[in-house]
Every structure is written in C-alpha cells, then in structure tokens.
Amino acid sequence: MIGPLEDWEKLMASPVAILGGGVSGRGVSALLQRLGWKFRVYDEHGIKLTPAKLRSSSLVVVSPGFRPDHPWLLLARQMKIKVLGELDFASCFTSSPITAITGTNGKTTVATLLHHALSKLGHVTSTAGNIGLPLSQFVAEQVNVKTRILLEVSSFQSRNISYLTPDRGIWTNFAEDHLDYHGTMEDYFLSKLSLLQKCQGEIFVGKSVLTWANRFSLDLPDNVKVISPSRKSSHSFDKEHFLSSYPQRENYALASGYASSLGIPEEEFSIACQDYQAKPHRLTKVHQIDDISFWNDSKATNFDAVIAACKSMRDPIFWIGGGQSKGVMMDEFSRELSQYISKAFVFGEVGEELSAKINACDTPASQCFSLNEALESAFNEANGRVSILLSPGFSSFDQFRNYEERGETFNQCVQELKKRFATSTQELLY
C-alpha cells in the first residue's frame, strides 16, 4: 500500500489523474475500474490537464513516455500532488513475487527465455512491463497471485521508483543510449540503479554494469552477483542456436544464474532452453539468395546492440542502419562499426550525418531515403558471400510506428526481392 490505511482511503475519495492514453494509460484505467476508483485520462492528443482539474485529483499516475520535465508533471509537483509511474502504482496492488529485468540490451531475451524455461519446468510465470501486458493491466486481470512476474523495466520506468520492491533483479548490461531523455550517462545509470536498490533478494548483473559503476565511483548493492559471459553450460547449444551467439552467452549466463537461485539445477535449465526461439526482429535470418543472407535485427535501437550483431556475423557485412537520433555521439560508433562492416547503407533522420562519418572512417557508406532503397542498394552491390544486416542502432519513430513495423517492412521487402530474383532466374532458364 502507498501509506497507512486512512491515507489510502483519503486518496480513493478523489479521482486519479492518468497522464497518457496509450497502452500504460489503458492498463491503469483497467486497474482503477477493478478497484472502483474514479479517474480521468489526460493526453496531449486528447483532454489537456489544467490546474483546476489537477486540484481535484488525489494522485497522478504517469505513463513512461512523459519526460520528467513535462509541464504537467512540473505542475503536479508544484501543487504537491503525489506522482507515481505506472509500474510503481500497479505494484501496490499485487502480492506476487516480481523479478525486475533491466539493461540497455537483452531485457526481452532474458525475460522471454526465463518464462519459456521456467514454464517448462513447472513454475507459474508471466512476462509484463515492456513485454506482455503493462503491469497495471496484468494486475487488473490477475487470477493466480502465486504467479512469478518477470517484469521488463526500461530506464524511463525505473526513474524515481518509490514502492516497487522486486524480490530479485537482473541488470543485463549498460551502454550508451537514451541521452536525449537522460542527458548524461550517469543519470541514465542512476535511473537503472535506483530500481536495483529496491530489490529485496539477489541481483544478477553483467560485467559492463560493474565497469560503469566503477567509472562513476558508485557502489552496487551488497546483494549483487556479477555474472561472467564465459560461464559454461553443462549442456552445450548447437552452433546455429540463438543462444550460442554473441552476446546471447551473457544473457543465458544471467538467466542460468537466476534459475540457480530458485533451486533449479543448471543441467535442467539448459535442457529447458534448447527449444527457445528468439522474439521477432532480434537477429534472425530472414532468407538467403544464393550466397547472400538477410538478417533482421530491427530491435537493435542502440550502438551496443549493433556491434554485438556485427560480431555474430561470419561473412562480410553490408550494414543497413539509421533512423531517429537519440542524442548519442556518432563519432566513436562510426569508428568501431567500420571495423566490422564492408559497406553501410544508411537511411532516416540521421542518414546524412551518419553516412558522412562512416565515409570519414574509410568505409564506404551510401545515404538512402528509405529502408527499401537501402535494401535494394545493398542487394544490387552484393557479390559472393555477404550478410545483409538490418541492425539500425536508432529509434524507428522518424519513419515507422515502432521497431516491429520497421522489421516487418524489412521482411516484406526481402520477400519481394526473393520473388523478383526467382522470376528473373526462371526467365534466364528459358
């Protein structure tokens, strides 16, 4: 609960102001309806929040898309009205054990891998947060309070956590990202650290988390266990298995360490992971035309994910990337990327700047005006064994609704190439 019972009842006497009418906002609405608590939804594209409307509200629940300096949030704090994020609010209404999973990359892989393996081993689990249902929606619909909630948490959601107290935590890794929101790497790090500081039990972190903590002269909680990516499995994966690639070995090691804390032998956990398949748009092979392979890694929205994908490729790489800037520096990325790729085909908002920086690193880069043009150009220039890799490194919002739409567009364009190539090959035979 938020506070003593009399404070709780006092809060419920007035409506909640929900900021954001998207997925999180709808989840909060569902939970409030179940609680019989009145509410109003305010959104930039709908009803606007005013001081008079805010004055009649007992509490503000905000969706993660709202920046900390949004005028409505500044107004609420000025009027001394309590502000809670969607996760924080929802956590007050469930007694289920919650495992918080955060990190720059790998959050979804670790959460879905654990859900897959633990379910096979007889544990009742569910994913929520950034994947599955918003936590508020899950709590509103929850039937079994014994369900272990595997909660994927972004840095937007973990900022200023007050009431969410996970029983365990996983912090996969840390790298440059979201500086348009956080401003500095240290603020980004602290946003994730604040979540882990709330964990009551063991916390499993990747080695990069410790590296950055030392860089910022920050202490990690005493209940942290640093997991090495070199952790060996007693049951090896086939070389073509998703979990055998870089950096999935670290994600698997973190998941395995977590499973061990639940009393699950590593051999059993490893066997349960054998038929795990990656979520769509996370470094999956879409098709192959002769010696040219096409890879969809649309979910890679930061530089660290791009480099990891490049390290997984065996053939020369024709890289397709770009999109909407997130305020990160591109010089160092361009230099590192140039070590792994043969040529770049860049599109989107950052296309002109990024292609110039890659060209300056003596790696050829072409600016394209769309994803389809980038794919066509890469295919036309490919000769011999080549991996055409979509691993954008940037947000998708300049040209697409989300990374899923971007990935689906890539898949459709590859299918069109496949049809045209098959037709032209048949024509040559006659």
Protein backbone atom coordinates (compact mmCIF):
# COMPACT_ATOMS: atom_id res chain seq x y z
CA MET A 1 0.00 0.00 0.00
CA ILE A 2 1.03 3.62 -0.54
CA GLY A 3 0.65 4.57 3.11
CA PRO A 4 -1.44 4.00 6.24
CA LEU A 5 -4.99 2.82 5.64
CA GLU A 6 -6.52 6.21 6.49
CA ASP A 7 -4.29 7.90 3.86
CA TRP A 8 -5.24 5.25 1.32
CA GLU A 9 -8.95 5.76 1.90
CA LYS A 10 -8.46 9.51 1.69
CA LEU A 11 -6.75 9.18 -1.69
CA MET A 12 -9.52 6.97 -3.05
CA ALA A 13 -12.11 9.63 -2.22
CA SER A 14 -10.91 11.71 -5.21
CA PRO A 15 -10.20 10.71 -8.81
CA VAL A 16 -6.78 9.76 -10.18
CA ALA A 17 -5.31 11.83 -12.99
CA ILE A 18 -3.84 9.42 -15.58
CA LEU A 19 -1.28 11.05 -17.86
CA GLY A 20 -1.21 9.29 -21.22
CA GLY A 21 -3.95 7.43 -23.03
CA GLY A 22 -1.70 4.77 -24.58
CA VAL A 23 -1.03 1.18 -23.53
CA SER A 24 0.12 2.06 -20.00
CA GLY A 25 -2.73 4.52 -19.50
CA ARG A 26 -5.29 1.94 -20.56
CA GLY A 27 -3.73 -0.54 -18.13
CA VAL A 28 -4.04 1.92 -15.23
CA SER A 29 -7.65 2.59 -16.24
CA ALA A 30 -8.44 -1.14 -16.12
CA LEU A 31 -6.88 -1.46 -12.66
CA LEU A 32 -8.74 1.56 -11.31
CA GLN A 33 -12.01 0.22 -12.68
CA ARG A 34 -11.40 -3.04 -10.85
CA LEU A 35 -10.69 -1.07 -7.64
CA GLY A 36 -13.80 1.07 -8.08
CA TRP A 37 -11.64 4.21 -8.05
CA LYS A 38 -12.69 7.12 -10.25
CA PHE A 39 -10.21 8.52 -12.74
CA ARG A 40 -9.71 10.89 -15.66
CA VAL A 41 -7.31 10.39 -18.58
CA TYR A 42 -5.30 13.35 -19.86
CA ASP A 43 -3.33 13.19 -23.08
CA GLU A 44 -1.53 15.61 -25.37
CA HIS A 45 -3.81 14.48 -28.21
CA GLY A 46 -6.98 14.50 -26.12
CA ILE A 47 -8.10 16.20 -22.90
CA LYS A 48 -5.48 18.63 -21.58
CA LEU A 49 -4.61 18.80 -17.88
CA THR A 50 -5.25 22.17 -16.22
CA PRO A 51 -4.55 23.42 -12.68
CA ALA A 52 -8.27 23.27 -11.87
CA LYS A 53 -8.55 19.63 -13.00
CA LEU A 54 -5.37 18.71 -11.18
CA ARG A 55 -6.57 20.37 -7.97
CA SER A 56 -9.48 17.93 -7.78
CA SER A 57 -7.20 14.88 -8.22
CA SER A 58 -5.78 12.84 -5.34
CA LEU A 59 -2.95 11.26 -7.29
CA VAL A 60 -1.18 11.43 -10.66
CA VAL A 61 -0.19 8.20 -12.44
CA VAL A 62 2.08 8.85 -15.41
CA SER A 63 2.97 6.76 -18.46
CA PRO A 64 6.71 6.26 -19.18
CA GLY A 65 6.55 8.32 -22.37
CA PHE A 66 6.26 11.57 -20.40
CA ARG A 67 9.59 13.32 -19.91
CA PRO A 68 10.46 14.30 -16.30
CA ASP A 69 10.33 17.99 -17.26
CA HIS A 70 6.88 17.81 -18.87
CA PRO A 71 4.82 20.87 -17.82
CA TRP A 72 2.02 18.71 -16.38
CA LEU A 73 4.46 16.86 -14.12
CA LEU A 74 6.12 20.11 -13.03
CA LEU A 75 2.67 21.50 -12.25
CA ALA A 76 1.71 18.44 -10.18
CA ARG A 77 4.88 18.67 -8.13
CA GLN A 78 4.42 22.40 -7.67
CA MET A 79 0.90 21.72 -6.33
CA LYS A 80 2.36 18.95 -4.07
CA ILE A 81 0.24 16.19 -5.61
CA LYS A 82 1.80 12.72 -5.44
CA VAL A 83 3.13 11.47 -8.80
CA LEU A 84 3.69 7.75 -9.44
CA GLY A 85 4.79 5.87 -12.53
CA GLU A 86 2.54 3.13 -13.89
CA LEU A 87 4.78 0.31 -12.58
CA ASP A 88 5.10 1.88 -9.14
CA PHE A 89 1.34 2.33 -8.82
CA ALA A 90 0.45 -1.16 -10.05
CA SER A 91 2.96 -2.83 -7.72
CA CYS A 92 0.92 -1.61 -4.73
CA PHE A 93 -1.89 -3.98 -5.68
CA THR A 94 -0.20 -7.35 -6.12
CA SER A 95 1.45 -9.75 -3.71
CA SER A 96 3.03 -11.82 -6.49
CA PRO A 97 6.83 -12.13 -6.50
CA ILE A 98 8.29 -9.70 -9.04
CA THR A 99 11.63 -10.11 -10.79
CA ALA A 100 12.77 -6.79 -12.28
CA ILE A 101 14.74 -7.18 -15.53
CA THR A 102 16.51 -4.14 -16.94
CA GLY A 103 19.52 -3.29 -19.11
CA THR A 104 20.49 -1.44 -22.27
CA ASN A 105 20.11 -4.64 -24.31
CA GLY A 106 18.91 -8.18 -23.73
CA LYS A 107 15.96 -7.42 -21.43
CA THR A 108 13.39 -9.08 -23.67
CA THR A 109 15.61 -12.07 -24.41
CA VAL A 110 16.26 -12.76 -20.72
CA ALA A 111 12.61 -12.27 -19.74
CA THR A 112 11.22 -14.49 -22.50
CA LEU A 113 13.94 -17.10 -22.03
CA LEU A 114 13.16 -17.36 -18.31
CA HIS A 115 9.43 -17.53 -18.98
CA HIS A 116 9.97 -20.27 -21.56
CA ALA A 117 12.29 -22.40 -19.43
CA LEU A 118 10.61 -21.90 -16.05
CA SER A 119 7.18 -22.71 -17.51
CA LYS A 120 8.54 -25.96 -18.93
CA LEU A 121 9.94 -26.79 -15.50
CA GLY A 122 6.56 -26.34 -13.82
CA HIS A 123 6.86 -22.78 -12.49
CA VAL A 124 3.93 -20.38 -12.91
CA THR A 125 5.34 -17.25 -14.56
CA SER A 126 4.23 -14.38 -16.74
CA THR A 127 6.01 -11.55 -18.53
CA ALA A 128 4.84 -7.97 -18.03
CA GLY A 129 6.04 -4.39 -18.35
CA ASN A 130 7.72 -3.59 -21.65
CA ILE A 131 6.66 -7.01 -22.97
CA GLY A 132 3.37 -8.75 -22.48
CA LEU A 133 0.82 -6.67 -20.62
CA PRO A 134 1.57 -3.47 -18.71
CA LEU A 135 1.90 -4.39 -15.05
CA SER A 136 -1.31 -2.50 -14.19
CA GLN A 137 -3.26 -4.42 -16.84
CA PHE A 138 -1.79 -7.71 -15.61
CA VAL A 139 -2.73 -6.95 -12.00
CA ALA A 140 -6.24 -5.94 -13.07
CA GLU A 141 -6.71 -9.32 -14.80
CA GLN A 142 -4.61 -11.43 -12.43
CA VAL A 143 -6.20 -14.64 -11.18
CA ASN A 144 -3.28 -16.53 -9.62
CA VAL A 145 -1.42 -14.42 -7.03
CA LYS A 146 1.36 -17.03 -6.93
CA THR A 147 2.42 -16.15 -10.48
CA ARG A 148 6.05 -15.05 -10.66
CA ILE A 149 6.07 -11.82 -12.66
CA LEU A 150 9.07 -11.34 -14.96
CA LEU A 151 8.93 -7.58 -15.31
CA GLU A 152 10.87 -5.91 -18.12
CA VAL A 153 11.69 -2.38 -16.97
CA SER A 154 13.10 0.50 -19.04
CA SER A 155 15.11 3.39 -17.60
CA PHE A 156 12.07 5.63 -18.20
CA GLN A 157 10.02 3.38 -15.93
CA SER A 158 12.67 2.86 -13.24
CA ARG A 159 13.31 6.55 -12.70
CA ASN A 160 12.04 7.71 -9.27
CA ILE A 161 10.73 4.28 -8.22
CA SER A 162 9.22 4.53 -4.73
CA TYR A 163 7.04 1.50 -3.96
CA LEU A 164 8.05 -1.29 -6.33
CA THR A 165 10.16 -3.79 -4.33
CA PRO A 166 11.16 -6.72 -6.57
CA ASP A 167 12.14 -9.95 -4.86
CA ARG A 168 15.02 -10.40 -7.35
CA GLY A 169 16.65 -8.39 -10.10
CA ILE A 170 18.61 -8.79 -13.34
CA TRP A 171 20.60 -5.98 -14.97
CA THR A 172 21.87 -7.37 -18.25
CA ASN A 173 24.36 -4.72 -19.35
CA PHE A 174 24.95 -1.00 -19.68
CA ALA A 175 25.96 1.08 -22.71
CA GLU A 176 25.27 4.48 -24.27
CA ASP A 177 21.58 5.06 -25.01
CA HIS A 178 18.64 7.43 -24.40
CA LEU A 179 20.79 10.51 -23.83
CA ASP A 180 18.04 12.61 -25.42
CA TYR A 181 15.95 11.68 -22.35
CA HIS A 182 18.53 11.39 -19.56
CA GLY A 183 21.06 13.99 -20.67
CA THR A 184 24.10 12.18 -19.26
CA MET A 185 25.33 8.61 -18.99
CA GLU A 186 25.46 8.93 -15.21
CA ASP A 187 21.81 9.94 -14.99
CA TYR A 188 20.92 7.00 -17.25
CA PHE A 189 22.93 4.66 -15.00
CA LEU A 190 21.36 6.03 -11.82
CA SER A 191 17.87 5.53 -13.24
CA LYS A 192 18.55 1.81 -13.53
CA LEU A 193 20.49 1.61 -10.27
CA SER A 194 17.54 3.06 -8.35
CA LEU A 195 15.45 0.06 -9.41
CA LEU A 196 18.06 -2.47 -8.31
CA GLN A 197 18.44 -0.75 -4.95
CA LYS A 198 14.81 -1.67 -4.27
CA CYS A 199 15.38 -5.41 -4.77
CA GLN A 200 14.98 -7.49 -1.63
CA GLY A 201 16.86 -10.58 -2.84
CA GLU A 202 19.69 -11.47 -5.18
CA ILE A 203 20.57 -9.27 -8.14
CA PHE A 204 22.40 -10.65 -11.19
CA VAL A 205 24.33 -8.17 -13.34
CA GLY A 206 26.55 -8.32 -16.40
CA LYS A 207 30.20 -7.28 -16.20
CA SER A 208 29.63 -3.97 -18.02
CA VAL A 209 27.40 -2.83 -15.14
CA LEU A 210 30.29 -3.20 -12.70
CA THR A 211 32.64 -1.45 -15.14
CA TRP A 212 30.39 1.60 -15.37
CA ALA A 213 29.70 1.63 -11.61
CA ASN A 214 33.45 1.86 -11.04
CA ARG A 215 33.73 4.59 -13.66
CA PHE A 216 31.13 6.66 -11.82
CA SER A 217 32.58 5.75 -8.39
CA LEU A 218 29.23 4.25 -7.40
CA ASP A 219 28.70 1.24 -5.15
CA LEU A 220 26.44 -1.58 -6.29
CA PRO A 221 24.11 -3.13 -3.67
CA ASP A 222 25.62 -5.83 -1.45
CA ASN A 223 23.25 -8.45 -2.88
CA VAL A 224 24.70 -8.09 -6.40
CA LYS A 225 26.29 -11.07 -8.18
CA VAL A 226 28.38 -10.21 -11.25
CA ILE A 227 27.93 -12.91 -13.90
CA SER A 228 30.66 -13.54 -16.47
CA PRO A 229 29.64 -14.24 -20.07
CA SER A 230 32.20 -17.04 -20.09
CA ARG A 231 30.02 -19.05 -17.69
CA LYS A 232 29.90 -22.54 -19.19
CA SER A 233 26.75 -24.57 -19.66
CA SER A 234 26.86 -28.24 -18.78
CA HIS A 235 24.61 -28.82 -21.80
CA SER A 236 26.02 -27.13 -24.91
CA PHE A 237 23.96 -25.47 -27.65
CA ASP A 238 24.28 -26.19 -31.34
CA LYS A 239 26.33 -23.51 -33.13
CA GLU A 240 23.22 -22.41 -35.04
CA HIS A 241 21.19 -21.98 -31.84
CA PHE A 242 20.28 -18.40 -31.00
CA LEU A 243 21.79 -18.72 -27.51
CA SER A 244 25.18 -19.79 -28.84
CA SER A 245 25.84 -16.44 -30.49
CA TYR A 246 27.41 -13.29 -29.10
CA PRO A 247 26.14 -11.65 -26.84
CA GLN A 248 23.49 -14.28 -26.05
CA ARG A 249 26.01 -16.25 -24.00
CA GLU A 250 25.92 -13.49 -21.38
CA ASN A 251 22.12 -13.35 -21.44
CA TYR A 252 21.98 -17.11 -20.97
CA ALA A 253 24.52 -16.97 -18.12
CA LEU A 254 22.43 -14.34 -16.32
CA ALA A 255 19.26 -16.38 -16.77
CA SER A 256 21.01 -19.54 -15.63
CA GLY A 257 22.39 -17.81 -12.53
CA TYR A 258 18.92 -16.55 -11.70
CA ALA A 259 17.41 -20.02 -12.18
CA SER A 260 20.02 -21.45 -9.82
CA SER A 261 18.83 -19.01 -7.15
CA LEU A 262 15.41 -20.67 -7.43
CA GLY A 263 16.99 -24.06 -6.80
CA ILE A 264 16.93 -25.20 -10.44
CA PRO A 265 19.99 -27.30 -11.46
CA GLU A 266 21.86 -25.84 -14.42
CA GLU A 267 21.57 -29.05 -16.43
CA GLU A 268 17.75 -28.98 -16.14
CA PHE A 269 17.61 -25.29 -17.02
CA SER A 270 19.89 -25.74 -20.04
CA ILE A 271 17.79 -28.58 -21.42
CA ALA A 272 14.63 -26.50 -20.96
CA CYS A 273 16.22 -23.74 -23.07
CA GLN A 274 17.02 -25.97 -26.05
CA ASP A 275 13.83 -25.19 -27.99
CA TYR A 276 13.77 -21.48 -27.11
CA GLN A 277 13.35 -19.20 -30.11
CA ALA A 278 14.18 -15.51 -30.17
CA LYS A 279 11.43 -12.90 -30.34
CA PRO A 280 10.79 -11.47 -33.83
CA HIS A 281 13.18 -8.79 -35.11
CA ARG A 282 16.02 -9.85 -32.81
CA LEU A 283 18.89 -11.02 -35.03
CA THR A 284 17.03 -13.64 -37.03
CA LYS A 285 17.89 -14.90 -40.51
CA VAL A 286 15.05 -13.96 -42.85
CA HIS A 287 16.13 -15.53 -46.13
CA GLN A 288 19.06 -16.42 -48.37
CA ILE A 289 19.50 -15.78 -52.09
CA ASP A 290 22.49 -17.74 -53.39
CA ASP A 291 25.35 -16.74 -51.05
CA ILE A 292 23.62 -13.58 -49.81
CA SER A 293 21.91 -13.89 -46.41
CA PHE A 294 19.42 -11.38 -44.96
CA TRP A 295 19.29 -10.71 -41.22
CA ASN A 296 16.59 -8.83 -39.30
CA ASP A 297 17.75 -7.15 -36.10
CA SER A 298 15.29 -4.26 -36.12
CA LYS A 299 15.07 -4.38 -32.32
CA ALA A 300 18.66 -3.08 -32.14
CA THR A 301 17.97 0.54 -31.26
CA ASN A 302 21.37 1.44 -29.79
CA PHE A 303 25.02 1.19 -30.77
CA ASP A 304 25.96 -1.60 -28.37
CA ALA A 305 23.32 -3.88 -29.92
CA VAL A 306 24.62 -3.12 -33.43
CA ILE A 307 28.20 -4.03 -32.57
CA ALA A 308 27.02 -7.23 -30.90
CA ALA A 309 25.08 -8.19 -34.02
CA CYS A 310 28.09 -7.47 -36.25
CA LYS A 311 30.28 -9.69 -34.09
CA SER A 312 27.82 -12.53 -34.67
CA MET A 313 28.14 -12.44 -38.47
CA ARG A 314 30.55 -14.81 -40.23
CA ASP A 315 30.51 -13.31 -43.74
CA PRO A 316 31.34 -9.77 -44.93
CA ILE A 317 28.63 -7.38 -43.72
CA PHE A 318 26.56 -4.92 -45.74
CA TRP A 319 25.07 -2.96 -42.85
CA ILE A 320 21.67 -1.23 -43.05
CA GLY A 321 21.09 1.29 -40.26
CA GLY A 322 19.82 4.68 -39.23
CA GLY A 323 16.59 6.22 -38.01
CA GLN A 324 15.79 8.88 -35.44
CA SER A 325 18.57 10.30 -33.28
CA LYS A 326 18.53 9.68 -29.52
CA GLY A 327 21.11 12.32 -28.69
CA VAL A 328 24.09 9.96 -28.70
CA MET A 329 27.51 10.70 -30.17
CA MET A 330 28.11 9.03 -33.54
CA ASP A 331 31.86 9.54 -34.00
CA GLU A 332 33.05 6.68 -31.78
CA PHE A 333 30.28 4.42 -33.08
CA SER A 334 31.25 5.09 -36.69
CA ARG A 335 34.89 4.25 -35.96
CA GLU A 336 34.02 0.99 -34.18
CA LEU A 337 31.38 -0.03 -36.73
CA SER A 338 33.85 0.46 -39.58
CA GLN A 339 35.99 -2.32 -38.12
CA TYR A 340 33.24 -4.88 -38.75
CA ILE A 341 31.41 -3.89 -41.93
CA SER A 342 32.30 -3.79 -45.62
CA LYS A 343 29.79 -1.11 -46.52
CA ALA A 344 26.95 0.88 -44.91
CA PHE A 345 23.57 1.80 -46.33
CA VAL A 346 22.11 4.49 -44.09
CA PHE A 347 18.55 5.85 -44.05
CA GLY A 348 16.32 8.04 -41.90
CA GLU A 349 16.79 11.25 -39.95
CA VAL A 350 20.46 10.59 -39.20
CA GLY A 351 21.27 9.42 -42.73
CA GLU A 352 23.26 12.39 -43.97
CA GLU A 353 25.37 12.87 -40.83
CA LEU A 354 25.99 9.18 -40.17
CA SER A 355 26.94 8.31 -43.75
CA ALA A 356 29.45 11.19 -43.75
CA LYS A 357 31.03 9.99 -40.50
CA ILE A 358 31.33 6.39 -41.73
CA ASN A 359 32.85 7.54 -45.02
CA ALA A 360 35.36 9.57 -42.99
CA CYS A 361 36.47 6.28 -41.41
CA ASP A 362 37.44 4.96 -44.87
CA THR A 363 34.42 2.64 -45.02
CA PRO A 364 32.05 3.27 -47.96
CA ALA A 365 28.59 4.45 -46.93
CA SER A 366 25.59 5.39 -49.05
CA GLN A 367 22.79 7.65 -47.88
CA CYS A 368 19.38 6.22 -48.78
CA PHE A 369 15.96 7.78 -48.37
CA SER A 370 14.11 4.68 -47.20
CA LEU A 371 14.65 1.23 -45.78
CA ASN A 372 13.53 -0.31 -49.04
CA GLU A 373 16.06 1.74 -51.04
CA ALA A 374 18.82 0.71 -48.61
CA LEU A 375 17.94 -2.97 -49.02
CA GLU A 376 17.75 -2.73 -52.82
CA SER A 377 21.11 -0.94 -52.99
CA ALA A 378 22.79 -3.47 -50.68
CA PHE A 379 21.45 -6.40 -52.70
CA ASN A 380 22.48 -4.89 -56.03
CA GLU A 381 26.04 -4.33 -54.81
CA ALA A 382 26.43 -7.68 -53.03
CA ASN A 383 28.72 -10.17 -54.71
CA GLY A 384 29.69 -13.56 -53.30
CA ARG A 385 29.17 -14.42 -49.64
CA VAL A 386 27.62 -11.39 -47.95
CA SER A 387 25.39 -10.85 -44.90
CA ILE A 388 22.94 -8.01 -45.42
CA LEU A 389 22.23 -6.95 -41.83
CA LEU A 390 19.42 -4.65 -40.71
CA SER A 391 20.58 -3.57 -37.25
CA PRO A 392 19.56 0.10 -37.18
CA GLY A 393 21.09 1.44 -33.95
CA PHE A 394 18.49 4.22 -33.73
CA SER A 395 14.82 4.72 -32.89
CA SER A 396 12.29 3.95 -35.61
CA PHE A 397 9.89 6.83 -34.98
CA ASP A 398 11.03 9.05 -37.85
CA GLN A 399 9.56 6.66 -40.46
CA PHE A 400 7.74 3.89 -38.55
CA ARG A 401 5.37 3.46 -35.61
CA ASN A 402 7.85 1.19 -33.81
CA TYR A 403 10.71 -1.24 -34.38
CA GLU A 404 8.21 -4.03 -35.10
CA GLU A 405 6.79 -2.18 -38.11
CA ARG A 406 10.32 -1.44 -39.28
CA GLY A 407 11.22 -5.13 -39.01
CA GLU A 408 8.07 -6.25 -40.79
CA THR A 409 8.77 -3.79 -43.60
CA PHE A 410 12.25 -5.25 -43.98
CA ASN A 411 10.84 -8.80 -44.09
CA GLN A 412 8.30 -7.82 -46.74
CA CYS A 413 10.95 -6.10 -48.87
CA VAL A 414 13.17 -9.20 -48.66
CA GLN A 415 10.24 -11.36 -49.79
CA GLU A 416 9.69 -9.06 -52.77
CA LEU A 417 13.38 -9.39 -53.66
CA LYS A 418 13.08 -13.15 -53.38
CA LYS A 419 10.11 -13.24 -55.78
CA ARG A 420 11.79 -10.98 -58.32
CA PHE A 421 15.02 -12.97 -58.17
CA ALA A 422 13.16 -16.26 -58.65
CA THR A 423 11.27 -14.84 -61.63
CA SER A 424 14.43 -13.49 -63.28
CA THR A 425 16.23 -16.80 -62.70
CA GLN A 426 13.39 -18.72 -64.38
CA GLU A 427 13.44 -16.36 -67.34
CA LEU A 428 17.17 -16.99 -67.80
CA LEU A 429 16.50 -20.74 -67.97
CA TYR A 430 14.20 -20.38 -70.99
